[in-house]
Amino acid sequence: MAAYAHSLRANGVHVTEIARKLVIASGKNQSKRPSVATVYRILAQDTGSIE
């Protein structure tokens, strides 16, 4: 999920649109969509800062 989010962001897709496209694959929230805040955290993990 994180790699897909990073590739979408690199292509200029807005974070809210990324959140709509992603689906959690496993765990308690399986088959649900992550929040926008979660997407920002995913994207910030590699860069070290929030946009």
PDB file of N, CA and C in Angstrom:
ATOM      1  N   MET A   1       0.825  -1.183   0.000  1.00  0.00           N
ATOM      2  CA  MET A   1       0.000   0.000   0.000  1.00  0.00           C
ATOM      3  C   MET A   1       0.874   1.254   0.000  1.00  0.00           C
ATOM      4  N   ALA A   2       1.951   1.234   0.760  1.00  0.00           N
ATOM      5  CA  ALA A   2       2.815   2.414   0.850  1.00  0.00           C
ATOM      6  C   ALA A   2       3.492   2.713  -0.485  1.00  0.00           C
ATOM      7  N   ALA A   3       3.943   1.679  -1.174  1.00  0.00           N
ATOM      8  CA  ALA A   3       4.612   1.889  -2.460  1.00  0.00           C
ATOM      9  C   ALA A   3       3.649   2.487  -3.478  1.00  0.00           C
ATOM     10  N   TYR A   4       2.422   2.013  -3.468  1.00  0.00           N
ATOM     11  CA  TYR A   4       1.411   2.540  -4.391  1.00  0.00           C
ATOM     12  C   TYR A   4       1.107   4.000  -4.069  1.00  0.00           C
ATOM     13  N   ALA A   5       1.010   4.323  -2.777  1.00  0.00           N
ATOM     14  CA  ALA A   5       0.759   5.707  -2.363  1.00  0.00           C
ATOM     15  C   ALA A   5       1.893   6.621  -2.813  1.00  0.00           C
ATOM     16  N   HIS A   6       3.131   6.158  -2.675  1.00  0.00           N
ATOM     17  CA  HIS A   6       4.279   6.963  -3.091  1.00  0.00           C
ATOM     18  C   HIS A   6       4.299   7.161  -4.603  1.00  0.00           C
ATOM     19  N   SER A   7       3.950   6.115  -5.352  1.00  0.00           N
ATOM     20  CA  SER A   7       3.957   6.258  -6.816  1.00  0.00           C
ATOM     21  C   SER A   7       2.852   7.203  -7.282  1.00  0.00           C
ATOM     22  N   LEU A   8       1.689   7.143  -6.632  1.00  0.00           N
ATOM     23  CA  LEU A   8       0.615   8.073  -6.984  1.00  0.00           C
ATOM     24  C   LEU A   8       1.018   9.512  -6.685  1.00  0.00           C
ATOM     25  N   ARG A   9       1.632   9.730  -5.529  1.00  0.00           N
ATOM     26  CA  ARG A   9       2.052  11.080  -5.139  1.00  0.00           C
ATOM     27  C   ARG A   9       3.125  11.611  -6.088  1.00  0.00           C
ATOM     28  N   ALA A  10       4.008  10.723  -6.537  1.00  0.00           N
ATOM     29  CA  ALA A  10       5.046  11.132  -7.478  1.00  0.00           C
ATOM     30  C   ALA A  10       4.447  11.550  -8.822  1.00  0.00           C
ATOM     31  N   ASN A  11       3.281  11.014  -9.142  1.00  0.00           N
ATOM     32  CA  ASN A  11       2.595  11.376 -10.383  1.00  0.00           C
ATOM     33  C   ASN A  11       1.701  12.590 -10.218  1.00  0.00           C
ATOM     34  N   GLY A  12       1.726  13.210  -9.043  1.00  0.00           N
ATOM     35  CA  GLY A  12       0.983  14.442  -8.831  1.00  0.00           C
ATOM     36  C   GLY A  12      -0.447  14.274  -8.357  1.00  0.00           C
ATOM     37  N   VAL A  13      -0.817  13.083  -7.904  1.00  0.00           N
ATOM     38  CA  VAL A  13      -2.178  12.849  -7.415  1.00  0.00           C
ATOM     39  C   VAL A  13      -2.308  13.469  -6.027  1.00  0.00           C
ATOM     40  N   HIS A  14      -3.416  14.156  -5.767  1.00  0.00           N
ATOM     41  CA  HIS A  14      -3.658  14.806  -4.487  1.00  0.00           C
ATOM     42  C   HIS A  14      -3.874  13.749  -3.396  1.00  0.00           C
ATOM     43  N   VAL A  15      -3.511  14.079  -2.168  1.00  0.00           N
ATOM     44  CA  VAL A  15      -3.549  13.124  -1.058  1.00  0.00           C
ATOM     45  C   VAL A  15      -4.962  12.602  -0.795  1.00  0.00           C
ATOM     46  N   THR A  16      -5.971  13.440  -0.924  1.00  0.00           N
ATOM     47  CA  THR A  16      -7.341  12.953  -0.695  1.00  0.00           C
ATOM     48  C   THR A  16      -7.757  11.921  -1.739  1.00  0.00           C
ATOM     49  N   GLU A  17      -7.287  12.090  -2.966  1.00  0.00           N
ATOM     50  CA  GLU A  17      -7.577  11.104  -4.004  1.00  0.00           C
ATOM     51  C   GLU A  17      -6.823   9.803  -3.748  1.00  0.00           C
ATOM     52  N   ILE A  18      -5.610   9.903  -3.237  1.00  0.00           N
ATOM     53  CA  ILE A  18      -4.833   8.709  -2.891  1.00  0.00           C
ATOM     54  C   ILE A  18      -5.571   7.920  -1.813  1.00  0.00           C
ATOM     55  N   ALA A  19      -6.099   8.615  -0.799  1.00  0.00           N
ATOM     56  CA  ALA A  19      -6.823   7.943   0.285  1.00  0.00           C
ATOM     57  C   ALA A  19      -8.044   7.202  -0.247  1.00  0.00           C
ATOM     58  N   ARG A  20      -8.696   7.751  -1.256  1.00  0.00           N
ATOM     59  CA  ARG A  20      -9.867   7.089  -1.841  1.00  0.00           C
ATOM     60  C   ARG A  20      -9.495   5.850  -2.636  1.00  0.00           C
ATOM     61  N   LYS A  21      -8.280   5.816  -3.183  1.00  0.00           N
ATOM     62  CA  LYS A  21      -7.855   4.690  -4.017  1.00  0.00           C
ATOM     63  C   LYS A  21      -7.285   3.530  -3.210  1.00  0.00           C
ATOM     64  N   LEU A  22      -6.771   3.798  -2.013  1.00  0.00           N
ATOM     65  CA  LEU A  22      -6.128   2.759  -1.219  1.00  0.00           C
ATOM     66  C   LEU A  22      -7.142   1.948  -0.424  1.00  0.00           C
ATOM     67  N   VAL A  23      -6.829   0.670  -0.207  1.00  0.00           N
ATOM     68  CA  VAL A  23      -7.637  -0.218   0.626  1.00  0.00           C
ATOM     69  C   VAL A  23      -6.677  -0.981   1.532  1.00  0.00           C
ATOM     70  N   ILE A  24      -7.002  -1.070   2.819  1.00  0.00           N
ATOM     71  CA  ILE A  24      -6.169  -1.783   3.780  1.00  0.00           C
ATOM     72  C   ILE A  24      -6.301  -3.275   3.506  1.00  0.00           C
ATOM     73  N   ALA A  25      -5.168  -3.973   3.325  1.00  0.00           N
ATOM     74  CA  ALA A  25      -5.167  -5.368   2.893  1.00  0.00           C
ATOM     75  C   ALA A  25      -5.290  -6.377   4.031  1.00  0.00           C
ATOM     76  N   SER A  26      -4.859  -6.011   5.233  1.00  0.00           N
ATOM     77  CA  SER A  26      -4.901  -6.991   6.318  1.00  0.00           C
ATOM     78  C   SER A  26      -5.107  -6.291   7.653  1.00  0.00           C
ATOM     79  N   GLY A  27      -5.406  -7.083   8.661  1.00  0.00           N
ATOM     80  CA  GLY A  27      -5.570  -6.541  10.000  1.00  0.00           C
ATOM     81  C   GLY A  27      -7.009  -6.285  10.368  1.00  0.00           C
ATOM     82  N   LYS A  28      -7.192  -5.576  11.462  1.00  0.00           N
ATOM     83  CA  LYS A  28      -8.525  -5.314  12.002  1.00  0.00           C
ATOM     84  C   LYS A  28      -9.380  -4.491  11.042  1.00  0.00           C
ATOM     85  N   ASN A  29      -8.779  -3.590  10.315  1.00  0.00           N
ATOM     86  CA  ASN A  29      -9.516  -2.705   9.409  1.00  0.00           C
ATOM     87  C   ASN A  29      -9.436  -3.159   7.947  1.00  0.00           C
ATOM     88  N   GLN A  30      -9.316  -4.459   7.744  1.00  0.00           N
ATOM     89  CA  GLN A  30      -9.200  -5.004   6.401  1.00  0.00           C
ATOM     90  C   GLN A  30     -10.384  -4.583   5.540  1.00  0.00           C
ATOM     91  N   SER A  31     -10.125  -4.271   4.297  1.00  0.00           N
ATOM     92  CA  SER A  31     -11.111  -3.859   3.288  1.00  0.00           C
ATOM     93  C   SER A  31     -11.679  -2.464   3.522  1.00  0.00           C
ATOM     94  N   LYS A  32     -11.100  -1.714   4.434  1.00  0.00           N
ATOM     95  CA  LYS A  32     -11.528  -0.333   4.657  1.00  0.00           C
ATOM     96  C   LYS A  32     -10.506   0.611   4.062  1.00  0.00           C
ATOM     97  N   ARG A  33     -10.870   1.857   3.915  1.00  0.00           N
ATOM     98  CA  ARG A  33      -9.977   2.865   3.351  1.00  0.00           C
ATOM     99  C   ARG A  33      -9.276   3.626   4.481  1.00  0.00           C
ATOM    100  N   PRO A  34      -7.982   3.945   4.292  1.00  0.00           N
ATOM    101  CA  PRO A  34      -7.271   4.711   5.321  1.00  0.00           C
ATOM    102  C   PRO A  34      -7.718   6.175   5.314  1.00  0.00           C
ATOM    103  N   SER A  35      -7.532   6.840   6.432  1.00  0.00           N
ATOM    104  CA  SER A  35      -7.862   8.260   6.504  1.00  0.00           C
ATOM    105  C   SER A  35      -6.794   9.073   5.780  1.00  0.00           C
ATOM    106  N   VAL A  36      -7.115  10.319   5.512  1.00  0.00           N
ATOM    107  CA  VAL A  36      -6.160  11.220   4.859  1.00  0.00           C
ATOM    108  C   VAL A  36      -4.932  11.404   5.752  1.00  0.00           C
ATOM    109  N   ALA A  37      -5.152  11.470   7.068  1.00  0.00           N
ATOM    110  CA  ALA A  37      -4.030  11.620   8.000  1.00  0.00           C
ATOM    111  C   ALA A  37      -3.089  10.419   7.922  1.00  0.00           C
ATOM    112  N   THR A  38      -3.634   9.234   7.764  1.00  0.00           N
ATOM    113  CA  THR A  38      -2.810   8.036   7.632  1.00  0.00           C
ATOM    114  C   THR A  38      -1.992   8.084   6.358  1.00  0.00           C
ATOM    115  N   VAL A  39      -2.587   8.560   5.279  1.00  0.00           N
ATOM    116  CA  VAL A  39      -1.861   8.675   4.015  1.00  0.00           C
ATOM    117  C   VAL A  39      -0.718   9.680   4.165  1.00  0.00           C
ATOM    118  N   TYR A  40      -0.958  10.804   4.833  1.00  0.00           N
ATOM    119  CA  TYR A  40       0.114  11.768   5.079  1.00  0.00           C
ATOM    120  C   TYR A  40       1.245  11.122   5.881  1.00  0.00           C
ATOM    121  N   ARG A  41       0.904  10.304   6.883  1.00  0.00           N
ATOM    122  CA  ARG A  41       1.940   9.626   7.674  1.00  0.00           C
ATOM    123  C   ARG A  41       2.733   8.644   6.828  1.00  0.00           C
ATOM    124  N   ILE A  42       2.045   7.908   5.949  1.00  0.00           N
ATOM    125  CA  ILE A  42       2.732   6.972   5.059  1.00  0.00           C
ATOM    126  C   ILE A  42       3.715   7.710   4.170  1.00  0.00           C
ATOM    127  N   LEU A  43       3.262   8.826   3.599  1.00  0.00           N
ATOM    128  CA  LEU A  43       4.127   9.597   2.708  1.00  0.00           C
ATOM    129  C   LEU A  43       5.269  10.267   3.450  1.00  0.00           C
ATOM    130  N   ALA A  44       5.057  10.617   4.696  1.00  0.00           N
ATOM    131  CA  ALA A  44       6.084  11.309   5.479  1.00  0.00           C
ATOM    132  C   ALA A  44       7.148  10.362   6.010  1.00  0.00           C
ATOM    133  N   GLN A  45       6.870   9.065   6.059  1.00  0.00           N
ATOM    134  CA  GLN A  45       7.847   8.121   6.605  1.00  0.00           C
ATOM    135  C   GLN A  45       9.150   8.142   5.834  1.00  0.00           C
ATOM    136  N   ASP A  46       9.094   8.194   4.523  1.00  0.00           N
ATOM    137  CA  ASP A  46      10.323   8.193   3.731  1.00  0.00           C
ATOM    138  C   ASP A  46      10.972   9.564   3.643  1.00  0.00           C
ATOM    139  N   THR A  47      10.159  10.615   3.580  1.00  0.00           N
ATOM    140  CA  THR A  47      10.724  11.949   3.429  1.00  0.00           C
ATOM    141  C   THR A  47      11.155  12.548   4.756  1.00  0.00           C
ATOM    142  N   GLY A  48      10.554  12.112   5.848  1.00  0.00           N
ATOM    143  CA  GLY A  48      10.913  12.634   7.150  1.00  0.00           C
ATOM    144  C   GLY A  48      10.175  13.881   7.538  1.00  0.00           C
ATOM    145  N   SER A  49       9.262  14.361   6.677  1.00  0.00           N
ATOM    146  CA  SER A  49       8.482  15.549   7.009  1.00  0.00           C
ATOM    147  C   SER A  49       7.119  15.459   6.359  1.00  0.00           C
ATOM    148  N   ILE A  50       6.180  16.223   6.893  1.00  0.00           N
ATOM    149  CA  ILE A  50       4.837  16.265   6.335  1.00  0.00           C
ATOM    150  C   ILE A  50       4.753  17.450   5.388  1.00  0.00           C
ATOM    151  N   GLU A  51       4.154  17.241   4.235  1.00  0.00           N
ATOM    152  CA  GLU A  51       4.077  18.296   3.213  1.00  0.00           C
ATOM    153  C   GLU A  51       3.191  19.421   3.636  1.00  0.00           C
TER     154      GLU A  51
END
